[in-house]
Amino acid sequence: MTKRVLYLIACAAGPTQYIDEGVRQAQARGWDTCLILTPSAAAWWEPRMGELEKLTGHPVRSRYKLPREKDALPNADAMLFAPLSCTSLNKWGGGISDTLALGLISEGVHMGVPALAMPYFNQAQAAQPAVARSIADLRSQGVVFLDGQDGYESHPPKQGNPQAYPWHLALDAVGATVSLAS
């Protein structure tokens, strides 16, 4: 039996320091997990990128491929953008695909790939009016946005706990969404 493929997409938000934990939890649920990072998130992991590639069994992608390069990853059965920063949320909601991470999920959702997102940002950032508009825009496109009790509830400024990020809630939602889509 072929494993289902999950693209775990992350930007430079606190829990990305622990993205290996998200990968392990996804793999424990039977997902062949491919990791796509924004360039800033990839810089965080640069000294240890080999660990992530060994863990996933795939290259970790952080830039668009050149025209002469072949696709390095299998096709995704689902995409999860977690953690999703306020900046990446607003770029995605506004249709800006200036990174591979944003480009893949922006396109994937319109190609029928189940797309989910779980944020990680503080309450002051969440209060920005663009955030509510971006969430509404993504939901109107079919993106499952996991916030509040269904995912991550914004923390007070300077009081986040990135190590306690609830990967399990995001992965529960991926499993439920893919089961419903099957």
Protein backbone atom coordinates (compact mmCIF):
# COMPACT_ATOMS: atom_id res chain seq x y z
CA MET A 1 0.00 0.00 0.00
CA THR A 2 1.32 3.45 -0.92
CA LYS A 3 1.47 5.96 1.90
CA ARG A 4 -0.47 9.17 1.59
CA VAL A 5 1.74 12.22 1.02
CA LEU A 6 1.51 15.29 3.25
CA TYR A 7 3.23 18.53 2.39
CA LEU A 8 4.03 20.15 5.73
CA ILE A 9 4.67 23.79 4.91
CA ALA A 10 6.14 26.19 7.47
CA CYS A 11 7.34 29.75 7.70
CA ALA A 12 9.57 31.52 10.22
CA ALA A 13 7.18 31.33 13.16
CA GLY A 14 8.28 30.12 16.59
CA PRO A 15 7.15 26.47 16.37
CA THR A 16 9.21 25.97 13.22
CA GLN A 17 12.15 25.53 15.59
CA TYR A 18 10.42 22.23 16.42
CA ILE A 19 9.21 21.26 12.94
CA ASP A 20 10.89 17.90 13.37
CA GLU A 21 8.27 17.13 16.04
CA GLY A 22 5.49 17.94 13.56
CA VAL A 23 7.12 15.64 11.00
CA ARG A 24 7.45 12.80 13.52
CA GLN A 25 3.81 13.12 14.56
CA ALA A 26 2.67 13.11 10.92
CA GLN A 27 4.80 10.05 10.17
CA ALA A 28 3.40 8.27 13.24
CA ARG A 29 -0.03 8.75 11.64
CA GLY A 30 1.13 7.08 8.43
CA TRP A 31 1.94 10.14 6.32
CA ASP A 32 4.89 10.26 3.93
CA THR A 33 5.82 13.77 4.99
CA CYS A 34 7.53 16.25 2.67
CA LEU A 35 8.76 19.48 4.20
CA ILE A 36 8.57 22.84 2.46
CA LEU A 37 9.97 25.90 4.25
CA THR A 38 9.98 29.57 3.45
CA PRO A 39 13.51 30.88 2.84
CA SER A 40 13.59 32.48 6.31
CA ALA A 41 12.51 29.24 7.99
CA ALA A 42 15.10 27.32 5.97
CA ALA A 43 17.78 29.69 7.27
CA TRP A 44 16.81 28.73 10.84
CA TRP A 45 17.42 25.07 10.02
CA GLU A 46 20.40 25.51 7.68
CA PRO A 47 23.00 24.05 10.06
CA ARG A 48 20.77 20.99 10.62
CA MET A 49 19.00 20.65 7.25
CA GLY A 50 20.50 17.20 6.77
CA GLU A 51 18.63 16.00 9.87
CA LEU A 52 15.31 17.05 8.35
CA GLU A 53 16.13 15.42 5.02
CA LYS A 54 17.10 12.19 6.75
CA LEU A 55 13.92 12.32 8.87
CA THR A 56 11.59 12.87 5.90
CA GLY A 57 13.50 10.86 3.30
CA HIS A 58 13.03 13.78 0.89
CA PRO A 59 14.87 16.98 0.06
CA VAL A 60 13.58 19.92 2.09
CA ARG A 61 12.39 22.49 -0.43
CA SER A 62 12.58 26.23 0.16
CA ARG A 63 12.90 27.74 -3.30
CA TYR A 64 11.26 27.37 -6.67
CA LYS A 65 13.03 24.88 -8.92
CA LEU A 66 14.81 26.00 -12.03
CA PRO A 67 13.21 25.09 -15.38
CA ARG A 68 15.85 22.40 -16.01
CA GLU A 69 15.23 20.72 -12.63
CA LYS A 70 12.80 17.85 -12.13
CA ASP A 71 10.21 17.80 -9.35
CA ALA A 72 11.91 16.41 -6.26
CA LEU A 73 8.79 15.55 -4.27
CA PRO A 74 5.85 13.19 -4.87
CA ASN A 75 2.43 14.76 -5.44
CA ALA A 76 0.63 15.79 -2.28
CA ASP A 77 -2.57 14.17 -1.03
CA ALA A 78 -2.94 17.00 1.50
CA MET A 79 -1.14 20.22 2.43
CA LEU A 80 -0.80 21.69 5.91
CA PHE A 81 0.67 25.14 6.44
CA ALA A 82 1.70 25.07 10.08
CA PRO A 83 2.85 27.16 11.73
CA LEU A 84 1.50 30.04 9.69
CA SER A 85 2.66 33.54 10.65
CA CYS A 86 0.59 36.69 10.37
CA THR A 87 2.77 37.85 7.47
CA SER A 88 2.44 34.62 5.49
CA LEU A 89 -1.29 34.48 6.21
CA ASN A 90 -1.82 37.95 4.77
CA LYS A 91 0.38 37.25 1.76
CA TRP A 92 -1.51 34.02 1.01
CA GLY A 93 -4.89 35.68 1.58
CA GLY A 94 -3.83 38.45 -0.78
CA GLY A 95 -2.72 36.03 -3.50
CA ILE A 96 1.00 36.75 -3.15
CA SER A 97 3.08 33.69 -3.98
CA ASP A 98 6.58 35.05 -3.59
CA THR A 99 7.91 31.88 -1.97
CA LEU A 100 7.65 28.23 -2.93
CA ALA A 101 5.77 27.58 0.32
CA LEU A 102 3.03 30.06 -0.57
CA GLY A 103 3.02 29.15 -4.25
CA LEU A 104 2.51 25.43 -3.70
CA ILE A 105 -0.43 25.78 -1.33
CA SER A 106 -2.00 28.67 -3.25
CA GLU A 107 -2.03 26.53 -6.37
CA GLY A 108 -2.79 23.24 -4.59
CA VAL A 109 -6.06 24.45 -3.07
CA HIS A 110 -7.32 25.26 -6.58
CA MET A 111 -6.19 21.89 -7.91
CA GLY A 112 -8.35 19.98 -5.46
CA VAL A 113 -5.68 19.17 -2.88
CA PRO A 114 -7.07 19.49 0.66
CA ALA A 115 -5.39 22.51 2.23
CA LEU A 116 -5.30 23.33 5.92
CA ALA A 117 -3.57 26.02 7.92
CA MET A 118 -2.91 26.54 11.62
CA PRO A 119 -1.55 29.90 12.72
CA TYR A 120 0.97 30.94 15.32
CA PHE A 121 0.94 34.63 16.15
CA ASN A 122 0.03 36.85 19.06
CA GLN A 123 -3.21 38.63 19.90
CA ALA A 124 -1.86 42.05 18.87
CA GLN A 125 -1.05 40.68 15.40
CA ALA A 126 -4.41 38.88 15.26
CA ALA A 127 -6.17 42.20 15.91
CA GLN A 128 -4.87 43.60 12.61
CA PRO A 129 -7.96 43.96 10.33
CA ALA A 130 -6.14 42.30 7.43
CA VAL A 131 -5.97 39.04 9.43
CA ALA A 132 -9.75 38.56 9.57
CA ARG A 133 -10.03 39.40 5.86
CA SER A 134 -7.28 36.94 4.94
CA ILE A 135 -8.84 34.16 7.00
CA ALA A 136 -12.23 34.79 5.39
CA ASP A 137 -10.66 34.84 1.91
CA LEU A 138 -8.87 31.53 2.51
CA ARG A 139 -11.96 29.87 3.96
CA SER A 140 -13.98 31.02 0.94
CA GLN A 141 -11.48 29.10 -1.22
CA GLY A 142 -11.98 25.92 0.79
CA VAL A 143 -8.95 26.19 3.08
CA VAL A 144 -9.58 24.68 6.53
CA PHE A 145 -8.26 27.36 8.89
CA LEU A 146 -7.59 25.98 12.36
CA ASP A 147 -7.86 28.72 14.94
CA GLY A 148 -9.46 29.18 18.33
CA GLN A 149 -10.69 25.98 19.93
CA ASP A 150 -10.24 24.10 16.63
CA GLY A 151 -6.51 24.75 16.44
CA TYR A 152 -4.29 27.49 17.78
CA GLU A 153 -5.61 30.35 19.86
CA SER A 154 -3.47 33.49 19.63
CA HIS A 155 -1.34 34.15 22.68
CA PRO A 156 -0.69 37.46 24.46
CA PRO A 157 2.30 39.37 23.03
CA LYS A 158 5.66 38.01 24.18
CA GLN A 159 3.98 35.07 25.93
CA GLY A 160 3.97 32.42 23.23
CA ASN A 161 5.16 28.88 23.88
CA PRO A 162 6.34 27.56 20.51
CA GLN A 163 7.40 24.21 21.95
CA ALA A 164 3.79 23.54 23.04
CA TYR A 165 2.37 24.11 19.55
CA PRO A 166 -0.55 21.65 19.12
CA TRP A 167 0.67 19.65 16.12
CA HIS A 168 -1.79 16.90 17.07
CA LEU A 169 -4.79 19.19 16.49
CA ALA A 170 -3.56 20.12 13.02
CA LEU A 171 -2.88 16.49 12.13
CA ASP A 172 -6.26 15.38 13.50
CA ALA A 173 -7.87 17.90 11.17
CA VAL A 174 -5.77 16.74 8.20
CA GLY A 175 -6.86 13.15 8.82
CA ALA A 176 -10.52 14.13 9.14
CA THR A 177 -10.40 16.34 6.04
CA VAL A 178 -8.72 13.71 3.88
CA SER A 179 -11.17 11.03 5.10
CA LEU A 180 -14.08 13.28 4.14
CA ALA A 181 -12.54 14.00 0.72
CA SER A 182 -12.03 10.28 -0.05
